[in-house]
Amino acid sequence: MFKIGDWVTWVNPANGNKELTLIKTIEDKEAFDEWGEELWQPKEGEWCWFYNTGEGKPFCGKFVTIIQKNNYTTYRAHNAWHECEYCEPFIGELPTFLQY
């Protein structure tokens, strides 16, 4: 169901809070597949990292919309004149593609 690199939301049984986690390993994937949690989707106005493959210039902006064209998904931020291939939640850290 999920794959490594997916962001998922889930309810932490220890405190009942909804949390956001990046699936980094096979073990993470198997655990989230079993728990049946949901894939993270950006919400309008949410701060996110946006970037395109090979550009090397990520930027942070407020999410506006998802654009579907011919089985291809792109994302648009309020402060961007172009669409981006990738969008991930801003959690106060560098985007994942710069961390690893």
C-alpha atoms as a PDB file:
ATOM      1  CA  MET A   1       0.000   0.000   0.000  1.00  0.00           C
ATOM      2  CA  PHE A   2       2.661   2.553   1.027  1.00  0.00           C
ATOM      3  CA  LYS A   3       6.207   2.873  -0.274  1.00  0.00           C
ATOM      4  CA  ILE A   4       9.485   4.169   1.124  1.00  0.00           C
ATOM      5  CA  GLY A   5       9.460   7.954   0.769  1.00  0.00           C
ATOM      6  CA  ASP A   6       5.721   8.339   1.446  1.00  0.00           C
ATOM      7  CA  TRP A   7       4.515  10.660   4.177  1.00  0.00           C
ATOM      8  CA  VAL A   8       1.698   9.131   6.223  1.00  0.00           C
ATOM      9  CA  THR A   9      -0.603  10.421   8.929  1.00  0.00           C
ATOM     10  CA  TRP A  10      -1.536   8.195  11.839  1.00  0.00           C
ATOM     11  CA  VAL A  11      -2.994   8.357  15.332  1.00  0.00           C
ATOM     12  CA  ASN A  12      -0.415   7.747  18.053  1.00  0.00           C
ATOM     13  CA  PRO A  13      -2.009   5.257  20.483  1.00  0.00           C
ATOM     14  CA  ALA A  14       0.100   6.614  23.358  1.00  0.00           C
ATOM     15  CA  ASN A  15      -1.484  10.067  23.285  1.00  0.00           C
ATOM     16  CA  GLY A  16      -4.290   9.958  20.689  1.00  0.00           C
ATOM     17  CA  ASN A  17      -2.680  12.734  18.609  1.00  0.00           C
ATOM     18  CA  LYS A  18      -2.564  12.646  14.835  1.00  0.00           C
ATOM     19  CA  GLU A  19       1.072  12.553  13.707  1.00  0.00           C
ATOM     20  CA  LEU A  20       3.001  12.768  10.452  1.00  0.00           C
ATOM     21  CA  THR A  21       5.789  10.308   9.623  1.00  0.00           C
ATOM     22  CA  LEU A  22       8.078   9.661   6.660  1.00  0.00           C
ATOM     23  CA  ILE A  23       8.412   5.986   5.704  1.00  0.00           C
ATOM     24  CA  LYS A  24      12.180   5.444   5.583  1.00  0.00           C
ATOM     25  CA  THR A  25      12.614   1.658   5.836  1.00  0.00           C
ATOM     26  CA  ILE A  26      10.976  -1.624   4.844  1.00  0.00           C
ATOM     27  CA  GLU A  27      10.032  -2.089   8.503  1.00  0.00           C
ATOM     28  CA  ASP A  28       8.262   1.314   8.516  1.00  0.00           C
ATOM     29  CA  LYS A  29       6.423   0.346   5.316  1.00  0.00           C
ATOM     30  CA  GLU A  30       5.277  -2.981   6.723  1.00  0.00           C
ATOM     31  CA  ALA A  31       4.112  -1.392   9.984  1.00  0.00           C
ATOM     32  CA  PHE A  32       2.088   1.332   8.240  1.00  0.00           C
ATOM     33  CA  ASP A  33       0.633  -1.152   5.739  1.00  0.00           C
ATOM     34  CA  GLU A  34      -0.579  -3.189   8.728  1.00  0.00           C
ATOM     35  CA  TRP A  35      -1.946  -0.197  10.665  1.00  0.00           C
ATOM     36  CA  GLY A  36      -3.942   1.001   7.665  1.00  0.00           C
ATOM     37  CA  GLU A  37      -3.066   4.675   8.067  1.00  0.00           C
ATOM     38  CA  GLU A  38      -3.534   7.263   5.316  1.00  0.00           C
ATOM     39  CA  LEU A  39      -1.204   8.866   2.822  1.00  0.00           C
ATOM     40  CA  TRP A  40      -0.530  12.535   3.618  1.00  0.00           C
ATOM     41  CA  GLN A  41      -2.092  15.015   1.215  1.00  0.00           C
ATOM     42  CA  PRO A  42      -1.365  18.741   1.470  1.00  0.00           C
ATOM     43  CA  LYS A  43      -4.218  21.025   2.455  1.00  0.00           C
ATOM     44  CA  GLU A  44      -4.798  24.507   1.076  1.00  0.00           C
ATOM     45  CA  GLY A  45      -2.698  27.037   3.002  1.00  0.00           C
ATOM     46  CA  GLU A  46      -0.400  24.396   4.540  1.00  0.00           C
ATOM     47  CA  TRP A  47       3.332  25.219   4.494  1.00  0.00           C
ATOM     48  CA  CYS A  48       5.230  22.739   2.318  1.00  0.00           C
ATOM     49  CA  TRP A  49       8.529  22.203   0.552  1.00  0.00           C
ATOM     50  CA  PHE A  50       8.239  22.275  -3.241  1.00  0.00           C
ATOM     51  CA  TYR A  51      10.857  21.125  -5.752  1.00  0.00           C
ATOM     52  CA  ASN A  52      11.534  19.585  -9.151  1.00  0.00           C
ATOM     53  CA  THR A  53      13.953  16.792 -10.054  1.00  0.00           C
ATOM     54  CA  GLY A  54      17.355  18.128 -10.999  1.00  0.00           C
ATOM     55  CA  GLU A  55      16.630  21.753 -10.092  1.00  0.00           C
ATOM     56  CA  GLY A  56      18.316  21.803  -6.707  1.00  0.00           C
ATOM     57  CA  LYS A  57      16.346  24.864  -5.613  1.00  0.00           C
ATOM     58  CA  PRO A  58      13.618  23.809  -3.205  1.00  0.00           C
ATOM     59  CA  PHE A  59      11.427  26.483  -1.769  1.00  0.00           C
ATOM     60  CA  CYS A  60       8.961  26.733   1.056  1.00  0.00           C
ATOM     61  CA  GLY A  61       5.504  28.054   0.330  1.00  0.00           C
ATOM     62  CA  LYS A  62       1.828  27.678   1.114  1.00  0.00           C
ATOM     63  CA  PHE A  63       0.133  24.906  -0.822  1.00  0.00           C
ATOM     64  CA  VAL A  64      -2.591  26.008  -3.252  1.00  0.00           C
ATOM     65  CA  THR A  65      -3.662  23.040  -5.389  1.00  0.00           C
ATOM     66  CA  ILE A  66      -2.854  19.680  -6.970  1.00  0.00           C
ATOM     67  CA  ILE A  67      -2.971  19.592 -10.758  1.00  0.00           C
ATOM     68  CA  GLN A  68      -3.655  16.287 -12.548  1.00  0.00           C
ATOM     69  CA  LYS A  69      -2.669  16.075 -16.232  1.00  0.00           C
ATOM     70  CA  ASN A  70      -2.457  12.823 -18.195  1.00  0.00           C
ATOM     71  CA  ASN A  71      -1.729  10.649 -15.120  1.00  0.00           C
ATOM     72  CA  TYR A  72       0.900  13.151 -13.962  1.00  0.00           C
ATOM     73  CA  THR A  73       0.561  15.078 -10.721  1.00  0.00           C
ATOM     74  CA  THR A  74       2.060  18.488 -10.011  1.00  0.00           C
ATOM     75  CA  TYR A  75       1.679  20.899  -7.118  1.00  0.00           C
ATOM     76  CA  ARG A  76       1.322  24.657  -6.984  1.00  0.00           C
ATOM     77  CA  ALA A  77       2.372  27.035  -4.214  1.00  0.00           C
ATOM     78  CA  HIS A  78       1.063  30.552  -3.648  1.00  0.00           C
ATOM     79  CA  ASN A  79       4.467  32.111  -4.343  1.00  0.00           C
ATOM     80  CA  ALA A  80       5.413  30.117  -7.474  1.00  0.00           C
ATOM     81  CA  TRP A  81       4.790  30.909 -11.113  1.00  0.00           C
ATOM     82  CA  HIS A  82       5.366  27.279 -12.131  1.00  0.00           C
ATOM     83  CA  GLU A  83       4.136  23.854 -11.063  1.00  0.00           C
ATOM     84  CA  CYS A  84       6.364  21.491  -9.061  1.00  0.00           C
ATOM     85  CA  GLU A  85       6.829  17.734  -9.261  1.00  0.00           C
ATOM     86  CA  TYR A  86       7.194  17.215  -5.522  1.00  0.00           C
ATOM     87  CA  CYS A  87       5.565  18.541  -2.395  1.00  0.00           C
ATOM     88  CA  GLU A  88       6.290  17.443   1.145  1.00  0.00           C
ATOM     89  CA  PRO A  89       5.211  18.814   4.512  1.00  0.00           C
ATOM     90  CA  PHE A  90       7.251  21.555   6.141  1.00  0.00           C
ATOM     91  CA  ILE A  91       8.133  20.229   9.579  1.00  0.00           C
ATOM     92  CA  GLY A  92      10.884  22.690  10.490  1.00  0.00           C
ATOM     93  CA  GLU A  93      13.631  20.657   8.798  1.00  0.00           C
ATOM     94  CA  LEU A  94      15.243  20.530   5.369  1.00  0.00           C
ATOM     95  CA  PRO A  95      13.274  18.568   2.780  1.00  0.00           C
ATOM     96  CA  THR A  96      14.114  14.862   2.703  1.00  0.00           C
ATOM     97  CA  PHE A  97      15.930  14.933  -0.619  1.00  0.00           C
ATOM     98  CA  LEU A  98      18.514  17.293   0.928  1.00  0.00           C
ATOM     99  CA  GLN A  99      18.914  15.235   4.122  1.00  0.00           C
ATOM    100  CA  TYR A 100      19.954  11.879   2.643  1.00  0.00           C
END
